[in-house]
């Protein structure tokens, strides 16, 4: 997502979570809080990144997606901080989204569809 402009993120979210409706989605994002630990890094991690979020920003976006499009999310990441530094989180943060299935709605849709047999 960090390769998109911020103004494109809402549309990206809509297309992915509302139109495509996958059962599971995994999204990773550089953790901006980790960046000061990377030697020689100034700015973003890649020259094509348009933004990099803190854990709080990433979680705020993910929680909004879950409320709007009926998903749940679990957070994890890769790349632990060196030594005793623990308050910055993972180097890259990951959101694992799962679509919340409404069994009642599925059954209602099933019951409304006519069963047509042709001989």
PDB file of N, CA and C in Angstrom:
ATOM      1  N   UNK A   1       0.815  -1.197   0.000  1.00  0.00           N
ATOM      2  CA  UNK A   1       0.000   0.000   0.000  1.00  0.00           C
ATOM      3  C   UNK A   1       0.853   1.253   0.000  1.00  0.00           C
ATOM      4  N   UNK A   2       2.021   1.167   0.583  1.00  0.00           N
ATOM      5  CA  UNK A   2       2.878   2.339   0.711  1.00  0.00           C
ATOM      6  C   UNK A   2       3.339   2.889  -0.638  1.00  0.00           C
ATOM      7  N   UNK A   3       3.092   2.138  -1.703  1.00  0.00           N
ATOM      8  CA  UNK A   3       3.435   2.598  -3.053  1.00  0.00           C
ATOM      9  C   UNK A   3       2.301   3.417  -3.670  1.00  0.00           C
ATOM     10  N   UNK A   4       1.165   3.460  -3.002  1.00  0.00           N
ATOM     11  CA  UNK A   4       0.022   4.268  -3.440  1.00  0.00           C
ATOM     12  C   UNK A   4       0.105   5.646  -2.795  1.00  0.00           C
ATOM     13  N   UNK A   5      -0.554   6.609  -3.397  1.00  0.00           N
ATOM     14  CA  UNK A   5      -0.720   7.906  -2.741  1.00  0.00           C
ATOM     15  C   UNK A   5      -1.774   7.739  -1.652  1.00  0.00           C
ATOM     16  N   UNK A   6      -1.667   8.532  -0.604  1.00  0.00           N
ATOM     17  CA  UNK A   6      -2.634   8.421   0.493  1.00  0.00           C
ATOM     18  C   UNK A   6      -4.069   8.580   0.007  1.00  0.00           C
ATOM     19  N   UNK A   7      -4.285   9.458  -0.960  1.00  0.00           N
ATOM     20  CA  UNK A   7      -5.644   9.671  -1.452  1.00  0.00           C
ATOM     21  C   UNK A   7      -6.174   8.459  -2.210  1.00  0.00           C
ATOM     22  N   UNK A   8      -5.314   7.519  -2.580  1.00  0.00           N
ATOM     23  CA  UNK A   8      -5.742   6.308  -3.287  1.00  0.00           C
ATOM     24  C   UNK A   8      -6.085   5.156  -2.340  1.00  0.00           C
ATOM     25  N   UNK A   9      -5.699   5.268  -1.089  1.00  0.00           N
ATOM     26  CA  UNK A   9      -5.865   4.165  -0.139  1.00  0.00           C
ATOM     27  C   UNK A   9      -7.336   3.832   0.088  1.00  0.00           C
ATOM     28  N   UNK A  10      -8.184   4.834   0.180  1.00  0.00           N
ATOM     29  CA  UNK A  10      -9.611   4.568   0.412  1.00  0.00           C
ATOM     30  C   UNK A  10     -10.219   3.795  -0.760  1.00  0.00           C
ATOM     31  N   UNK A  11      -9.890   4.199  -1.967  1.00  0.00           N
ATOM     32  CA  UNK A  11     -10.419   3.501  -3.156  1.00  0.00           C
ATOM     33  C   UNK A  11      -9.856   2.087  -3.242  1.00  0.00           C
ATOM     34  N   UNK A  12      -8.559   1.938  -2.945  1.00  0.00           N
ATOM     35  CA  UNK A  12      -7.935   0.617  -2.905  1.00  0.00           C
ATOM     36  C   UNK A  12      -8.671  -0.282  -1.914  1.00  0.00           C
ATOM     37  N   UNK A  13      -8.951   0.241  -0.736  1.00  0.00           N
ATOM     38  CA  UNK A  13      -9.652  -0.524   0.300  1.00  0.00           C
ATOM     39  C   UNK A  13     -11.036  -0.932  -0.174  1.00  0.00           C
ATOM     40  N   UNK A  14     -11.731  -0.014  -0.809  1.00  0.00           N
ATOM     41  CA  UNK A  14     -13.080  -0.293  -1.312  1.00  0.00           C
ATOM     42  C   UNK A  14     -13.053  -1.397  -2.373  1.00  0.00           C
ATOM     43  N   UNK A  15     -12.140  -1.298  -3.319  1.00  0.00           N
ATOM     44  CA  UNK A  15     -12.056  -2.307  -4.384  1.00  0.00           C
ATOM     45  C   UNK A  15     -11.694  -3.669  -3.806  1.00  0.00           C
ATOM     46  N   UNK A  16     -10.708  -3.687  -2.923  1.00  0.00           N
ATOM     47  CA  UNK A  16     -10.249  -4.959  -2.371  1.00  0.00           C
ATOM     48  C   UNK A  16     -11.282  -5.598  -1.452  1.00  0.00           C
ATOM     49  N   UNK A  17     -11.763  -4.846  -0.472  1.00  0.00           N
ATOM     50  CA  UNK A  17     -12.592  -5.438   0.574  1.00  0.00           C
ATOM     51  C   UNK A  17     -14.085  -5.477   0.245  1.00  0.00           C
ATOM     52  N   UNK A  18     -14.573  -4.544  -0.569  1.00  0.00           N
ATOM     53  CA  UNK A  18     -16.004  -4.547  -0.888  1.00  0.00           C
ATOM     54  C   UNK A  18     -16.279  -5.228  -2.227  1.00  0.00           C
ATOM     55  N   UNK A  19     -15.522  -4.877  -3.247  1.00  0.00           N
ATOM     56  CA  UNK A  19     -15.788  -5.434  -4.575  1.00  0.00           C
ATOM     57  C   UNK A  19     -15.244  -6.854  -4.713  1.00  0.00           C
ATOM     58  N   UNK A  20     -13.974  -7.052  -4.374  1.00  0.00           N
ATOM     59  CA  UNK A  20     -13.363  -8.376  -4.542  1.00  0.00           C
ATOM     60  C   UNK A  20     -13.787  -9.350  -3.442  1.00  0.00           C
ATOM     61  N   UNK A  21     -14.000  -8.859  -2.230  1.00  0.00           N
ATOM     62  CA  UNK A  21     -14.457  -9.645  -1.079  1.00  0.00           C
ATOM     63  C   UNK A  21     -13.693 -10.951  -0.859  1.00  0.00           C
ATOM     64  N   UNK A  22     -12.375 -10.927  -0.803  1.00  0.00           N
ATOM     65  CA  UNK A  22     -11.658 -12.178  -0.549  1.00  0.00           C
ATOM     66  C   UNK A  22     -11.919 -12.667   0.873  1.00  0.00           C
ATOM     67  N   UNK A  23     -11.779 -13.955   1.061  1.00  0.00           N
ATOM     68  CA  UNK A  23     -11.966 -14.518   2.407  1.00  0.00           C
ATOM     69  C   UNK A  23     -10.856 -14.084   3.347  1.00  0.00           C
ATOM     70  N   UNK A  24      -9.645 -13.946   2.802  1.00  0.00           N
ATOM     71  CA  UNK A  24      -8.495 -13.547   3.612  1.00  0.00           C
ATOM     72  C   UNK A  24      -7.624 -12.580   2.821  1.00  0.00           C
ATOM     73  N   UNK A  25      -7.039 -11.634   3.537  1.00  0.00           N
ATOM     74  CA  UNK A  25      -6.140 -10.643   2.947  1.00  0.00           C
ATOM     75  C   UNK A  25      -4.973 -10.460   3.904  1.00  0.00           C
ATOM     76  N   UNK A  26      -3.771 -10.423   3.368  1.00  0.00           N
ATOM     77  CA  UNK A  26      -2.582 -10.137   4.168  1.00  0.00           C
ATOM     78  C   UNK A  26      -1.939  -8.882   3.599  1.00  0.00           C
ATOM     79  N   UNK A  27      -1.805  -7.874   4.442  1.00  0.00           N
ATOM     80  CA  UNK A  27      -1.202  -6.614   4.014  1.00  0.00           C
ATOM     81  C   UNK A  27      -0.034  -6.299   4.939  1.00  0.00           C
ATOM     82  N   UNK A  28       1.104  -6.017   4.316  1.00  0.00           N
ATOM     83  CA  UNK A  28       2.275  -5.608   5.092  1.00  0.00           C
ATOM     84  C   UNK A  28       2.572  -4.145   4.811  1.00  0.00           C
ATOM     85  N   UNK A  29       3.216  -3.521   5.775  1.00  0.00           N
ATOM     86  CA  UNK A  29       3.519  -2.089   5.684  1.00  0.00           C
ATOM     87  C   UNK A  29       4.776  -1.832   6.513  1.00  0.00           C
ATOM     88  N   UNK A  30       5.714  -1.050   5.990  1.00  0.00           N
ATOM     89  CA  UNK A  30       6.852  -0.675   6.829  1.00  0.00           C
ATOM     90  C   UNK A  30       6.360   0.033   8.092  1.00  0.00           C
ATOM     91  N   UNK A  31       6.970  -0.278   9.196  1.00  0.00           N
ATOM     92  CA  UNK A  31       6.633   0.355  10.462  1.00  0.00           C
ATOM     93  C   UNK A  31       7.519   1.589  10.622  1.00  0.00           C
ATOM     94  N   UNK A  32       6.942   2.770  10.524  1.00  0.00           N
ATOM     95  CA  UNK A  32       7.702   4.020  10.596  1.00  0.00           C
ATOM     96  C   UNK A  32       8.433   4.170  11.928  1.00  0.00           C
ATOM     97  N   UNK A  33       7.927   3.553  12.989  1.00  0.00           N
ATOM     98  CA  UNK A  33       8.577   3.650  14.299  1.00  0.00           C
ATOM     99  C   UNK A  33       9.914   2.911  14.327  1.00  0.00           C
ATOM    100  N   UNK A  34      10.088   1.959  13.430  1.00  0.00           N
ATOM    101  CA  UNK A  34      11.312   1.161  13.374  1.00  0.00           C
ATOM    102  C   UNK A  34      12.415   1.868  12.578  1.00  0.00           C
ATOM    103  N   UNK A  35      12.040   2.788  11.711  1.00  0.00           N
ATOM    104  CA  UNK A  35      12.990   3.417  10.796  1.00  0.00           C
ATOM    105  C   UNK A  35      14.228   4.021  11.456  1.00  0.00           C
ATOM    106  N   UNK A  36      14.131   4.681  12.609  1.00  0.00           N
ATOM    107  CA  UNK A  36      15.338   5.240  13.230  1.00  0.00           C
ATOM    108  C   UNK A  36      16.393   4.182  13.591  1.00  0.00           C
ATOM    109  N   UNK A  37      16.001   2.929  13.660  1.00  0.00           N
ATOM    110  CA  UNK A  37      16.953   1.863  13.985  1.00  0.00           C
ATOM    111  C   UNK A  37      17.731   1.371  12.763  1.00  0.00           C
ATOM    112  N   UNK A  38      17.345   1.793  11.577  1.00  0.00           N
ATOM    113  CA  UNK A  38      17.999   1.348  10.348  1.00  0.00           C
ATOM    114  C   UNK A  38      19.130   2.324  10.031  1.00  0.00           C
ATOM    115  N   UNK A  39      20.385   1.858  10.113  1.00  0.00           N
ATOM    116  CA  UNK A  39      21.535   2.750   9.904  1.00  0.00           C
ATOM    117  C   UNK A  39      21.511   3.413   8.524  1.00  0.00           C
ATOM    118  N   UNK A  40      21.739   4.712   8.524  1.00  0.00           N
ATOM    119  CA  UNK A  40      21.844   5.462   7.278  1.00  0.00           C
ATOM    120  C   UNK A  40      20.529   5.799   6.606  1.00  0.00           C
ATOM    121  N   UNK A  41      19.424   5.376   7.171  1.00  0.00           N
ATOM    122  CA  UNK A  41      18.129   5.635   6.538  1.00  0.00           C
ATOM    123  C   UNK A  41      17.681   7.065   6.823  1.00  0.00           C
ATOM    124  N   UNK A  42      17.380   7.773   5.768  1.00  0.00           N
ATOM    125  CA  UNK A  42      16.756   9.090   5.893  1.00  0.00           C
ATOM    126  C   UNK A  42      15.506   9.063   5.023  1.00  0.00           C
ATOM    127  N   UNK A  43      14.413   9.478   5.572  1.00  0.00           N
ATOM    128  CA  UNK A  43      13.163   9.424   4.824  1.00  0.00           C
ATOM    129  C   UNK A  43      12.562   8.034   4.849  1.00  0.00           C
ATOM    130  N   UNK A  44      11.915   7.672   3.740  1.00  0.00           N
ATOM    131  CA  UNK A  44      11.268   6.368   3.644  1.00  0.00           C
ATOM    132  C   UNK A  44      12.269   5.291   3.248  1.00  0.00           C
ATOM    133  N   UNK A  45      11.866   4.042   3.379  1.00  0.00           N
ATOM    134  CA  UNK A  45      12.754   2.914   3.089  1.00  0.00           C
ATOM    135  C   UNK A  45      13.015   2.711   1.607  1.00  0.00           C
ATOM    136  N   UNK A  46      12.129   3.182   0.785  1.00  0.00           N
ATOM    137  CA  UNK A  46      12.294   3.039  -0.660  1.00  0.00           C
ATOM    138  C   UNK A  46      11.845   4.341  -1.314  1.00  0.00           C
ATOM    139  N   UNK A  47      12.511   4.707  -2.405  1.00  0.00           N
ATOM    140  CA  UNK A  47      12.178   5.991  -3.027  1.00  0.00           C
ATOM    141  C   UNK A  47      10.789   6.008  -3.664  1.00  0.00           C
ATOM    142  N   UNK A  48      10.172   4.848  -3.823  1.00  0.00           N
ATOM    143  CA  UNK A  48       8.824   4.782  -4.389  1.00  0.00           C
ATOM    144  C   UNK A  48       7.731   4.817  -3.315  1.00  0.00           C
ATOM    145  N   UNK A  49       8.095   4.782  -2.043  1.00  0.00           N
ATOM    146  CA  UNK A  49       7.088   4.824  -0.981  1.00  0.00           C
ATOM    147  C   UNK A  49       6.499   6.226  -0.892  1.00  0.00           C
ATOM    148  N   UNK A  50       5.187   6.281  -0.840  1.00  0.00           N
ATOM    149  CA  UNK A  50       4.479   7.561  -0.714  1.00  0.00           C
ATOM    150  C   UNK A  50       4.196   7.902   0.749  1.00  0.00           C
ATOM    151  N   UNK A  51       4.171   6.879   1.597  1.00  0.00           N
ATOM    152  CA  UNK A  51       3.960   7.061   3.033  1.00  0.00           C
ATOM    153  C   UNK A  51       4.403   5.792   3.742  1.00  0.00           C
ATOM    154  N   UNK A  52       4.650   5.893   5.019  1.00  0.00           N
ATOM    155  CA  UNK A  52       4.910   4.743   5.890  1.00  0.00           C
ATOM    156  C   UNK A  52       4.249   5.057   7.220  1.00  0.00           C
ATOM    157  N   UNK A  53       3.460   4.132   7.724  1.00  0.00           N
ATOM    158  CA  UNK A  53       2.654   4.391   8.905  1.00  0.00           C
ATOM    159  C   UNK A  53       3.286   3.843  10.178  1.00  0.00           C
ATOM    160  N   UNK A  54       2.948   4.493  11.289  1.00  0.00           N
ATOM    161  CA  UNK A  54       3.245   3.948  12.606  1.00  0.00           C
ATOM    162  C   UNK A  54       2.275   2.794  12.871  1.00  0.00           C
ATOM    163  N   UNK A  55       2.519   2.066  13.942  1.00  0.00           N
ATOM    164  CA  UNK A  55       1.590   0.982  14.300  1.00  0.00           C
ATOM    165  C   UNK A  55       0.193   1.528  14.556  1.00  0.00           C
ATOM    166  N   UNK A  56       0.105   2.656  15.233  1.00  0.00           N
ATOM    167  CA  UNK A  56      -1.211   3.235  15.543  1.00  0.00           C
ATOM    168  C   UNK A  56      -1.949   3.638  14.266  1.00  0.00           C
ATOM    169  N   UNK A  57      -1.249   4.219  13.307  1.00  0.00           N
ATOM    170  CA  UNK A  57      -1.886   4.614  12.046  1.00  0.00           C
ATOM    171  C   UNK A  57      -2.362   3.398  11.256  1.00  0.00           C
ATOM    172  N   UNK A  58      -1.527   2.370  11.199  1.00  0.00           N
ATOM    173  CA  UNK A  58      -1.877   1.145  10.479  1.00  0.00           C
ATOM    174  C   UNK A  58      -3.091   0.482  11.125  1.00  0.00           C
ATOM    175  N   UNK A  59      -3.095   0.420  12.451  1.00  0.00           N
ATOM    176  CA  UNK A  59      -4.206  -0.203  13.164  1.00  0.00           C
ATOM    177  C   UNK A  59      -5.489   0.608  13.024  1.00  0.00           C
ATOM    178  N   UNK A  60      -5.384   1.920  12.993  1.00  0.00           N
ATOM    179  CA  UNK A  60      -6.558   2.770  12.797  1.00  0.00           C
ATOM    180  C   UNK A  60      -7.179   2.512  11.428  1.00  0.00           C
ATOM    181  N   UNK A  61      -6.340   2.444  10.386  1.00  0.00           N
ATOM    182  CA  UNK A  61      -6.839   2.149   9.043  1.00  0.00           C
ATOM    183  C   UNK A  61      -7.480   0.757   9.018  1.00  0.00           C
ATOM    184  N   UNK A  62      -6.791  -0.239   9.568  1.00  0.00           N
ATOM    185  CA  UNK A  62      -7.282  -1.619   9.545  1.00  0.00           C
ATOM    186  C   UNK A  62      -8.597  -1.756  10.308  1.00  0.00           C
ATOM    187  N   UNK A  63      -8.691  -1.130  11.456  1.00  0.00           N
ATOM    188  CA  UNK A  63      -9.934  -1.190  12.233  1.00  0.00           C
ATOM    189  C   UNK A  63     -11.087  -0.542  11.468  1.00  0.00           C
ATOM    190  N   UNK A  64     -10.813   0.538  10.763  1.00  0.00           N
ATOM    191  CA  UNK A  64     -11.836   1.177   9.937  1.00  0.00           C
ATOM    192  C   UNK A  64     -12.302   0.277   8.811  1.00  0.00           C
ATOM    193  N   UNK A  65     -11.358  -0.414   8.178  1.00  0.00           N
ATOM    194  CA  UNK A  65     -11.695  -1.376   7.121  1.00  0.00           C
ATOM    195  C   UNK A  65     -12.603  -2.466   7.680  1.00  0.00           C
ATOM    196  N   UNK A  66     -12.268  -2.967   8.850  1.00  0.00           N
ATOM    197  CA  UNK A  66     -13.056  -4.049   9.456  1.00  0.00           C
ATOM    198  C   UNK A  66     -14.483  -3.603   9.754  1.00  0.00           C
ATOM    199  N   UNK A  67     -14.633  -2.409  10.285  1.00  0.00           N
ATOM    200  CA  UNK A  67     -15.978  -1.898  10.589  1.00  0.00           C
ATOM    201  C   UNK A  67     -16.786  -1.673   9.313  1.00  0.00           C
ATOM    202  N   UNK A  68     -16.154  -1.128   8.300  1.00  0.00           N
ATOM    203  CA  UNK A  68     -16.867  -0.750   7.077  1.00  0.00           C
ATOM    204  C   UNK A  68     -17.209  -1.944   6.198  1.00  0.00           C
ATOM    205  N   UNK A  69     -16.318  -2.942   6.148  1.00  0.00           N
ATOM    206  CA  UNK A  69     -16.487  -4.029   5.181  1.00  0.00           C
ATOM    207  C   UNK A  69     -16.681  -5.410   5.815  1.00  0.00           C
ATOM    208  N   UNK A  70     -16.892  -5.477   7.118  1.00  0.00           N
ATOM    209  CA  UNK A  70     -17.163  -6.739   7.823  1.00  0.00           C
ATOM    210  C   UNK A  70     -16.007  -7.729   7.726  1.00  0.00           C
ATOM    211  N   UNK A  71     -14.864  -7.294   8.231  1.00  0.00           N
ATOM    212  CA  UNK A  71     -13.687  -8.155   8.343  1.00  0.00           C
ATOM    213  C   UNK A  71     -13.203  -8.115   9.781  1.00  0.00           C
ATOM    214  N   UNK A  72     -12.411  -9.109  10.150  1.00  0.00           N
ATOM    215  CA  UNK A  72     -11.670  -9.077  11.407  1.00  0.00           C
ATOM    216  C   UNK A  72     -10.198  -8.978  11.034  1.00  0.00           C
ATOM    217  N   UNK A  73      -9.369  -8.520  11.960  1.00  0.00           N
ATOM    218  CA  UNK A  73      -7.941  -8.389  11.669  1.00  0.00           C
ATOM    219  C   UNK A  73      -7.128  -8.815  12.883  1.00  0.00           C
ATOM    220  N   UNK A  74      -5.997  -9.441  12.607  1.00  0.00           N
ATOM    221  CA  UNK A  74      -5.003  -9.769  13.626  1.00  0.00           C
ATOM    222  C   UNK A  74      -3.689  -9.151  13.165  1.00  0.00           C
ATOM    223  N   UNK A  75      -2.954  -8.586  14.100  1.00  0.00           N
ATOM    224  CA  UNK A  75      -1.712  -7.901  13.766  1.00  0.00           C
ATOM    225  C   UNK A  75      -0.506  -8.735  14.169  1.00  0.00           C
ATOM    226  N   UNK A  76       0.488  -8.732  13.312  1.00  0.00           N
ATOM    227  CA  UNK A  76       1.756  -9.392  13.585  1.00  0.00           C
ATOM    228  C   UNK A  76       2.823  -8.624  12.819  1.00  0.00           C
ATOM    229  N   UNK A  77       3.960  -9.233  12.614  1.00  0.00           N
ATOM    230  CA  UNK A  77       5.007  -8.558  11.861  1.00  0.00           C
ATOM    231  C   UNK A  77       6.226  -9.431  11.693  1.00  0.00           C
ATOM    232  N   UNK A  78       7.218  -8.882  11.022  1.00  0.00           N
ATOM    233  CA  UNK A  78       8.500  -9.569  10.830  1.00  0.00           C
ATOM    234  C   UNK A  78       9.622  -8.589  11.129  1.00  0.00           C
ATOM    235  N   UNK A  79      10.718  -9.118  11.646  1.00  0.00           N
ATOM    236  CA  UNK A  79      11.898  -8.310  11.934  1.00  0.00           C
ATOM    237  C   UNK A  79      11.836  -7.664  13.298  1.00  0.00           C
ATOM    238  N   UNK A  80      12.422  -8.334  14.281  1.00  0.00           N
ATOM    239  CA  UNK A  80      12.424  -7.786  15.634  1.00  0.00           C
ATOM    240  C   UNK A  80      13.549  -6.778  15.801  1.00  0.00           C
ATOM    241  N   UNK A  81      13.342  -5.834  16.696  1.00  0.00           N
ATOM    242  CA  UNK A  81      14.357  -4.828  16.995  1.00  0.00           C
ATOM    243  C   UNK A  81      15.548  -5.493  17.686  1.00  0.00           C
ATOM    244  N   UNK A  82      16.745  -4.953  17.484  1.00  0.00           N
ATOM    245  CA  UNK A  82      17.929  -5.557  18.096  1.00  0.00           C
ATOM    246  C   UNK A  82      17.976  -5.333  19.606  1.00  0.00           C
ATOM    247  N   UNK A  83      18.656  -6.246  20.277  1.00  0.00           N
ATOM    248  CA  UNK A  83      18.911  -6.097  21.709  1.00  0.00           C
ATOM    249  C   UNK A  83      17.666  -5.972  22.544  1.00  0.00           C
ATOM    250  N   UNK A  84      17.712  -5.005  23.445  1.00  0.00           N
ATOM    251  CA  UNK A  84      16.620  -4.827  24.401  1.00  0.00           C
ATOM    252  C   UNK A  84      15.563  -3.828  23.930  1.00  0.00           C
ATOM    253  N   UNK A  85      15.685  -3.345  22.717  1.00  0.00           N
ATOM    254  CA  UNK A  85      14.705  -2.388  22.192  1.00  0.00           C
ATOM    255  C   UNK A  85      13.430  -3.156  21.842  1.00  0.00           C
ATOM    256  N   UNK A  86      12.341  -2.831  22.508  1.00  0.00           N
ATOM    257  CA  UNK A  86      11.092  -3.561  22.287  1.00  0.00           C
ATOM    258  C   UNK A  86       9.896  -2.647  22.040  1.00  0.00           C
ATOM    259  N   UNK A  87      10.067  -1.362  22.248  1.00  0.00           N
ATOM    260  CA  UNK A  87       8.908  -0.473  22.184  1.00  0.00           C
ATOM    261  C   UNK A  87       8.620   0.079  20.790  1.00  0.00           C
ATOM    262  N   UNK A  88       9.321  -0.404  19.771  1.00  0.00           N
ATOM    263  CA  UNK A  88       9.101   0.104  18.411  1.00  0.00           C
ATOM    264  C   UNK A  88       8.313  -0.858  17.540  1.00  0.00           C
ATOM    265  N   UNK A  89       8.096  -2.059  18.006  1.00  0.00           N
ATOM    266  CA  UNK A  89       7.367  -3.037  17.207  1.00  0.00           C
ATOM    267  C   UNK A  89       8.251  -3.701  16.175  1.00  0.00           C
ATOM    268  N   UNK A  90       7.623  -4.395  15.243  1.00  0.00           N
ATOM    269  CA  UNK A  90       8.335  -5.105  14.188  1.00  0.00           C
ATOM    270  C   UNK A  90       8.844  -4.133  13.125  1.00  0.00           C
ATOM    271  N   UNK A  91       9.835  -4.563  12.378  1.00  0.00           N
ATOM    272  CA  UNK A  91      10.354  -3.787  11.251  1.00  0.00           C
ATOM    273  C   UNK A  91       9.252  -3.572  10.216  1.00  0.00           C
ATOM    274  N   UNK A  92       8.567  -4.641   9.866  1.00  0.00           N
ATOM    275  CA  UNK A  92       7.411  -4.564   8.965  1.00  0.00           C
ATOM    276  C   UNK A  92       6.195  -5.101   9.699  1.00  0.00           C
ATOM    277  N   UNK A  93       5.138  -4.338   9.676  1.00  0.00           N
ATOM    278  CA  UNK A  93       3.901  -4.742  10.344  1.00  0.00           C
ATOM    279  C   UNK A  93       2.988  -5.421   9.340  1.00  0.00           C
ATOM    280  N   UNK A  94       2.211  -6.355   9.846  1.00  0.00           N
ATOM    281  CA  UNK A  94       1.342  -7.154   8.984  1.00  0.00           C
ATOM    282  C   UNK A  94      -0.056  -7.194   9.592  1.00  0.00           C
ATOM    283  N   UNK A  95      -1.043  -7.000   8.742  1.00  0.00           N
ATOM    284  CA  UNK A  95      -2.440  -7.179   9.129  1.00  0.00           C
ATOM    285  C   UNK A  95      -2.998  -8.377   8.383  1.00  0.00           C
ATOM    286  N   UNK A  96      -3.531  -9.339   9.124  1.00  0.00           N
ATOM    287  CA  UNK A  96      -4.144 -10.528   8.526  1.00  0.00           C
ATOM    288  C   UNK A  96      -5.655 -10.377   8.700  1.00  0.00           C
ATOM    289  N   UNK A  97      -6.337 -10.157   7.593  1.00  0.00           N
ATOM    290  CA  UNK A  97      -7.774  -9.892   7.588  1.00  0.00           C
ATOM    291  C   UNK A  97      -8.534 -11.151   7.193  1.00  0.00           C
ATOM    292  N   UNK A  98      -9.666 -11.378   7.853  1.00  0.00           N
ATOM    293  CA  UNK A  98     -10.578 -12.466   7.484  1.00  0.00           C
ATOM    294  C   UNK A  98     -11.987 -11.894   7.372  1.00  0.00           C
ATOM    295  N   UNK A  99     -12.648 -12.252   6.296  1.00  0.00           N
ATOM    296  CA  UNK A  99     -14.021 -11.783   6.095  1.00  0.00           C
ATOM    297  C   UNK A  99     -14.930 -12.430   7.132  1.00  0.00           C
ATOM    298  N   UNK A 100     -15.785 -11.642   7.733  1.00  0.00           N
ATOM    299  CA  UNK A 100     -16.761 -12.138   8.697  1.00  0.00           C
ATOM    300  C   UNK A 100     -17.943 -12.663   7.897  1.00  0.00           C
ATOM    301  N   UNK A 101     -18.230 -13.921   8.060  1.00  0.00           N
ATOM    302  CA  UNK A 101     -19.293 -14.562   7.291  1.00  0.00           C
ATOM    303  C   UNK A 101     -20.578 -14.520   8.103  1.00  0.00           C
ATOM    304  N   UNK A 102     -21.607 -13.983   7.503  1.00  0.00           N
ATOM    305  CA  UNK A 102     -22.927 -13.934   8.127  1.00  0.00           C
ATOM    306  C   UNK A 102     -23.721 -15.128   7.608  1.00  0.00           C
ATOM    307  N   UNK A 103     -23.797 -16.187   8.403  1.00  0.00           N
ATOM    308  CA  UNK A 103     -24.472 -17.407   7.964  1.00  0.00           C
ATOM    309  C   UNK A 103     -25.961 -17.188   7.717  1.00  0.00           C
ATOM    310  N   UNK A 104     -26.590 -16.317   8.505  1.00  0.00           N
ATOM    311  CA  UNK A 104     -28.018 -16.043   8.291  1.00  0.00           C
ATOM    312  C   UNK A 104     -28.252 -15.404   6.929  1.00  0.00           C
ATOM    313  N   UNK A 105     -27.402 -14.454   6.563  1.00  0.00           N
ATOM    314  CA  UNK A 105     -27.545 -13.802   5.257  1.00  0.00           C
ATOM    315  C   UNK A 105     -27.309 -14.801   4.137  1.00  0.00           C
ATOM    316  N   UNK A 106     -26.344 -15.685   4.318  1.00  0.00           N
ATOM    317  CA  UNK A 106     -26.086 -16.699   3.294  1.00  0.00           C
ATOM    318  C   UNK A 106     -27.284 -17.629   3.135  1.00  0.00           C
ATOM    319  N   UNK A 107     -27.892 -18.026   4.225  1.00  0.00           N
ATOM    320  CA  UNK A 107     -29.048 -18.922   4.161  1.00  0.00           C
ATOM    321  C   UNK A 107     -30.236 -18.211   3.516  1.00  0.00           C
ATOM    322  N   UNK A 108     -30.429 -16.927   3.838  1.00  0.00           N
ATOM    323  CA  UNK A 108     -31.522 -16.173   3.221  1.00  0.00           C
ATOM    324  C   UNK A 108     -31.339 -16.083   1.717  1.00  0.00           C
ATOM    325  N   UNK A 109     -30.130 -15.838   1.266  1.00  0.00           N
ATOM    326  CA  UNK A 109     -29.863 -15.780  -0.172  1.00  0.00           C
ATOM    327  C   UNK A 109     -30.108 -17.133  -0.819  1.00  0.00           C
ATOM    328  N   UNK A 110     -29.726 -18.184  -0.144  1.00  0.00           N
ATOM    329  CA  UNK A 110     -29.896 -19.531  -0.680  1.00  0.00           C
ATOM    330  C   UNK A 110     -31.379 -19.860  -0.818  1.00  0.00           C
ATOM    331  N   UNK A 111     -32.165 -19.507   0.195  1.00  0.00           N
ATOM    332  CA  UNK A 111     -33.588 -19.829   0.184  1.00  0.00           C
ATOM    333  C   UNK A 111     -34.350 -19.022  -0.865  1.00  0.00           C
ATOM    334  N   UNK A 112     -33.869 -17.853  -1.227  1.00  0.00           N
ATOM    335  CA  UNK A 112     -34.564 -17.015  -2.193  1.00  0.00           C
ATOM    336  C   UNK A 112     -34.298 -17.443  -3.629  1.00  0.00           C
ATOM    337  N   UNK A 113     -33.248 -18.160  -3.860  1.00  0.00           N
ATOM    338  CA  UNK A 113     -32.934 -18.589  -5.214  1.00  0.00           C
ATOM    339  C   UNK A 113     -33.828 -19.765  -5.597  1.00  0.00           C
ATOM    340  N   UNK A 114     -34.556 -19.641  -6.698  1.00  0.00           N
ATOM    341  CA  UNK A 114     -35.429 -20.749  -7.106  1.00  0.00           C
ATOM    342  C   UNK A 114     -34.598 -21.916  -7.638  1.00  0.00           C
ATOM    343  N   UNK A 115     -35.096 -23.084  -7.387  1.00  0.00           N
ATOM    344  CA  UNK A 115     -34.461 -24.285  -7.921  1.00  0.00           C
ATOM    345  C   UNK A 115     -35.251 -24.685  -9.155  1.00  0.00           C
ATOM    346  N   UNK A 116     -34.599 -24.646 -10.268  1.00  0.00           N
ATOM    347  CA  UNK A 116     -35.265 -24.923 -11.536  1.00  0.00           C
ATOM    348  C   UNK A 116     -34.689 -26.206 -12.116  1.00  0.00           C
ATOM    349  N   UNK A 117     -35.584 -27.139 -12.379  1.00  0.00           N
ATOM    350  CA  UNK A 117     -35.182 -28.395 -13.008  1.00  0.00           C
ATOM    351  C   UNK A 117     -35.796 -28.453 -14.398  1.00  0.00           C
ATOM    352  N   UNK A 118     -35.009 -28.836 -15.343  1.00  0.00           N
ATOM    353  CA  UNK A 118     -35.527 -29.018 -16.701  1.00  0.00           C
ATOM    354  C   UNK A 118     -35.296 -30.457 -17.106  1.00  0.00           C
ATOM    355  N   UNK A 119     -36.296 -31.019 -17.740  1.00  0.00           N
ATOM    356  CA  UNK A 119     -36.191 -32.392 -18.221  1.00  0.00           C
ATOM    357  C   UNK A 119     -36.045 -32.431 -19.710  1.00  0.00           C
TER     358      UNK A 119
END
